[in-house]
């Protein structure tokens, strides 16, 4: 069919070419919400997605399959705000699951995804979709976490939210691990993590001595 209107009326979607048919007339974009644990990242993600729903926009929400702390098929904030979500293991799966009609894509716990998430988010934005990503910017050692640094670099909009330091009450930007586990990814909540400010943060967990730079030449 030469006319796409006729094709649509006939129920033929074969005319649809994603790379040439952005749904958003203002163009797509990437928004990143980041900060430490307990800073309200997922809550802000849900708030933005709820506003999109009120605006009668089509949304889809995805979360990394590792995160099963509260509900397997939902994005859940620590304050128990909830929104239905699809669990995926790899970032590329999102492209297979996104409906062409979807206008807003939400992605939670972005730090757990593979590096391909940057390409996926960029591709969706190029299609005219609004992509809202939430994730930790630093791990328990205070180091950049997963694909987050690149996402922060390419995003049109970045919001860094802050928690409250569990020790002194100051604004907190760090995630303190309370256990001795040294793996980068250990899924948990208030049972093994708390928010800390720079002054109270202990990189690497309790009992770990921070690395000095330049190294102490008196040793060895």
Protein backbone atom coordinates (compact mmCIF):
# COMPACT_ATOMS: atom_id res chain seq x y z
CA UNK A 1 0.00 0.00 0.00
CA UNK A 2 1.38 3.36 -1.02
CA UNK A 3 -0.54 5.37 1.59
CA UNK A 4 0.33 4.61 5.22
CA UNK A 5 -3.17 5.71 6.28
CA UNK A 6 -4.71 2.98 4.15
CA UNK A 7 -2.25 0.46 5.58
CA UNK A 8 -3.15 1.47 9.12
CA UNK A 9 -6.87 1.24 8.41
CA UNK A 10 -6.34 -2.26 7.01
CA UNK A 11 -4.40 -3.33 10.11
CA UNK A 12 -1.15 -3.67 8.17
CA UNK A 13 1.78 -2.52 10.33
CA UNK A 14 4.44 -3.56 7.83
CA UNK A 15 4.78 0.06 6.69
CA UNK A 16 6.16 1.02 10.07
CA UNK A 17 9.93 1.71 9.95
CA UNK A 18 11.09 2.58 13.51
CA UNK A 19 14.18 4.52 12.49
CA UNK A 20 12.07 6.81 10.29
CA UNK A 21 8.88 7.16 12.30
CA UNK A 22 9.53 8.80 15.70
CA UNK A 23 6.26 9.07 17.62
CA UNK A 24 7.28 12.11 19.64
CA UNK A 25 7.10 15.28 17.47
CA UNK A 26 9.52 17.04 19.86
CA UNK A 27 12.13 14.29 19.55
CA UNK A 28 13.20 11.69 22.08
CA UNK A 29 15.66 12.01 24.90
CA UNK A 30 17.31 10.36 27.89
CA UNK A 31 16.67 11.40 31.49
CA UNK A 32 18.82 9.94 34.26
CA UNK A 33 17.90 9.91 37.95
CA UNK A 34 20.86 8.94 40.11
CA UNK A 35 22.20 9.00 43.65
CA UNK A 36 22.86 6.67 46.56
CA UNK A 37 20.52 4.05 47.96
CA UNK A 38 17.55 5.45 49.90
CA UNK A 39 17.71 8.74 47.99
CA UNK A 40 14.36 8.31 46.23
CA UNK A 41 15.53 7.32 42.73
CA UNK A 42 12.83 4.72 42.10
CA UNK A 43 10.21 6.96 43.70
CA UNK A 44 11.13 9.80 41.31
CA UNK A 45 11.09 7.37 38.37
CA UNK A 46 7.60 6.19 39.35
CA UNK A 47 6.43 9.79 39.84
CA UNK A 48 7.50 10.76 36.32
CA UNK A 49 5.94 7.64 34.82
CA UNK A 50 2.67 8.25 36.66
CA UNK A 51 2.54 11.76 35.22
CA UNK A 52 3.04 10.26 31.75
CA UNK A 53 0.10 7.93 32.41
CA UNK A 54 -2.05 10.89 33.47
CA UNK A 55 -1.05 12.56 30.18
CA UNK A 56 -2.39 9.42 28.43
CA UNK A 57 0.98 8.44 27.06
CA UNK A 58 1.84 4.81 26.45
CA UNK A 59 4.55 3.62 28.83
CA UNK A 60 6.59 0.48 29.39
CA UNK A 61 8.79 -0.17 32.41
CA UNK A 62 11.78 -2.51 32.69
CA UNK A 63 13.96 -3.66 35.57
CA UNK A 64 17.06 -5.83 35.78
CA UNK A 65 16.23 -9.42 36.69
CA UNK A 66 18.69 -9.40 39.60
CA UNK A 67 16.45 -7.07 41.58
CA UNK A 68 13.81 -9.17 43.34
CA UNK A 69 13.86 -7.48 46.74
CA UNK A 70 10.20 -6.46 46.90
CA UNK A 71 8.32 -7.82 43.87
CA UNK A 72 9.56 -9.65 40.80
CA UNK A 73 7.21 -7.96 38.34
CA UNK A 74 7.16 -4.43 39.75
CA UNK A 75 9.38 -1.43 40.26
CA UNK A 76 9.10 -0.76 43.99
CA UNK A 77 10.61 2.14 45.90
CA UNK A 78 11.83 1.83 49.50
CA UNK A 79 8.74 3.83 50.48
CA UNK A 80 6.65 1.12 48.75
CA UNK A 81 5.52 3.06 45.68
CA UNK A 82 4.84 0.47 42.95
CA UNK A 83 4.50 0.23 39.19
CA UNK A 84 4.23 -2.84 36.98
CA UNK A 85 7.47 -3.72 35.18
CA UNK A 86 9.02 -6.38 32.95
CA UNK A 87 12.17 -8.16 34.15
CA UNK A 88 15.01 -8.57 31.67
CA UNK A 89 18.49 -10.05 31.99
CA UNK A 90 20.25 -8.08 29.25
CA UNK A 91 19.77 -4.58 27.91
CA UNK A 92 19.26 -5.80 24.33
CA UNK A 93 16.09 -7.60 25.41
CA UNK A 94 14.43 -4.24 25.98
CA UNK A 95 14.53 -3.48 22.24
CA UNK A 96 12.74 -6.76 21.53
CA UNK A 97 10.02 -6.02 24.08
CA UNK A 98 9.30 -2.34 23.45
CA UNK A 99 6.05 -1.83 21.57
CA UNK A 100 6.42 0.57 18.61
CA UNK A 101 3.49 2.55 20.05
CA UNK A 102 5.23 3.10 23.40
CA UNK A 103 6.09 6.74 24.02
CA UNK A 104 7.84 6.60 27.41
CA UNK A 105 10.26 3.87 28.52
CA UNK A 106 11.26 3.56 32.19
CA UNK A 107 14.33 1.58 33.28
CA UNK A 108 15.11 0.95 36.95
CA UNK A 109 18.30 -0.33 38.62
CA UNK A 110 20.32 0.61 35.56
CA UNK A 111 23.64 -0.03 37.33
CA UNK A 112 22.99 -3.79 37.16
CA UNK A 113 22.70 -3.82 33.36
CA UNK A 114 25.48 -4.55 30.89
CA UNK A 115 27.25 -1.76 28.99
CA UNK A 116 24.89 -2.20 26.02
CA UNK A 117 22.25 -0.24 27.95
CA UNK A 118 23.85 2.99 26.69
CA UNK A 119 23.29 1.95 23.07
CA UNK A 120 19.76 0.71 23.81
CA UNK A 121 18.74 3.94 25.54
CA UNK A 122 20.24 6.00 22.75
CA UNK A 123 18.45 3.99 20.07
CA UNK A 124 15.09 4.37 21.82
CA UNK A 125 15.67 8.13 22.17
CA UNK A 126 16.54 8.30 18.45
CA UNK A 127 13.15 6.72 17.72
CA UNK A 128 11.51 9.66 19.46
CA UNK A 129 10.86 7.97 22.78
CA UNK A 130 11.34 9.51 26.19
CA UNK A 131 13.70 7.24 28.12
CA UNK A 132 13.80 7.64 31.91
CA UNK A 133 16.58 5.74 33.66
CA UNK A 134 17.20 5.36 37.40
CA UNK A 135 20.28 3.82 38.99
CA UNK A 136 23.12 4.08 41.48
CA UNK A 137 26.02 6.22 40.27
CA UNK A 138 28.56 4.62 42.65
CA UNK A 139 29.07 1.17 44.18
CA UNK A 140 29.90 0.41 47.82
CA UNK A 141 33.53 1.40 47.22
CA UNK A 142 32.52 4.81 45.92
CA UNK A 143 33.50 3.87 42.34
CA UNK A 144 31.42 4.46 39.17
CA UNK A 145 28.87 1.67 38.79
CA UNK A 146 28.19 -0.24 35.56
CA UNK A 147 26.91 1.76 32.56
CA UNK A 148 25.86 4.73 34.68
CA UNK A 149 28.87 7.01 33.90
CA UNK A 150 28.23 6.81 30.15
CA UNK A 151 24.50 7.26 30.59
CA UNK A 152 25.12 10.38 32.65
CA UNK A 153 27.36 11.70 29.88
CA UNK A 154 24.88 11.21 27.02
CA UNK A 155 21.65 12.13 28.84
CA UNK A 156 19.80 15.35 28.03
CA UNK A 157 18.67 15.67 31.63
CA UNK A 158 20.37 14.47 34.84
CA UNK A 159 19.01 14.71 38.37
CA UNK A 160 21.14 13.66 41.32
CA UNK A 161 19.02 13.02 44.38
CA UNK A 162 20.37 12.76 47.92
CA UNK A 163 19.55 10.60 50.90
CA UNK A 164 20.14 11.43 54.58
CA UNK A 165 23.31 10.15 56.23
CA UNK A 166 22.42 7.42 58.71
CA UNK A 167 25.29 8.54 60.96
CA UNK A 168 25.10 12.35 61.16
CA UNK A 169 22.00 13.47 59.26
CA UNK A 170 23.87 15.38 56.53
CA UNK A 171 22.93 15.03 52.83
CA UNK A 172 24.22 11.63 51.69
CA UNK A 173 25.64 10.68 48.29
CA UNK A 174 27.29 7.36 49.17
CA UNK A 175 26.00 3.83 49.74
CA UNK A 176 27.57 2.17 52.78
CA UNK A 177 27.68 -1.63 52.81
CA UNK A 178 27.36 -2.96 56.35
CA UNK A 179 28.51 -6.51 55.63
CA UNK A 180 32.04 -7.78 54.89
CA UNK A 181 31.11 -9.05 51.40
CA UNK A 182 33.47 -7.69 48.73
CA UNK A 183 31.57 -8.57 45.54
CA UNK A 184 30.45 -5.48 43.65
CA UNK A 185 26.87 -6.72 43.31
CA UNK A 186 25.15 -7.86 46.49
CA UNK A 187 21.40 -7.25 46.29
CA UNK A 188 19.90 -6.01 49.53
CA UNK A 189 18.16 -3.14 51.27
CA UNK A 190 18.31 -1.70 54.79
CA UNK A 191 19.53 -5.06 56.08
CA UNK A 192 23.00 -4.57 54.57
CA UNK A 193 23.12 -0.99 53.26
CA UNK A 194 22.67 2.54 54.54
CA UNK A 195 23.23 6.02 53.14
CA UNK A 196 26.31 7.97 54.22
CA UNK A 197 27.78 11.41 53.60
CA UNK A 198 31.37 11.80 52.40
CA UNK A 199 32.67 12.30 55.96
CA UNK A 200 31.02 9.17 57.38
CA UNK A 201 31.50 6.91 54.36
CA UNK A 202 33.84 3.90 54.76
CA UNK A 203 34.83 2.73 51.25
CA UNK A 204 34.78 -1.03 50.90
CA UNK A 205 32.69 -1.61 54.00
CA UNK A 206 33.36 -1.54 57.75
CA UNK A 207 36.96 -2.20 58.76
CA UNK A 208 38.36 -1.55 55.29
CA UNK A 209 41.18 0.99 55.16
CA UNK A 210 40.91 3.48 52.25
CA UNK A 211 43.76 3.47 49.74
CA UNK A 212 46.13 6.42 50.11
CA UNK A 213 47.41 8.45 47.20
CA UNK A 214 50.24 8.95 46.79
CA UNK A 215 51.12 5.63 48.44
CA UNK A 216 52.89 5.74 51.81
CA UNK A 217 56.54 5.16 50.81
CA UNK A 218 57.52 4.43 54.40
CA UNK A 219 55.92 1.01 54.08
CA UNK A 220 57.90 -1.75 52.41
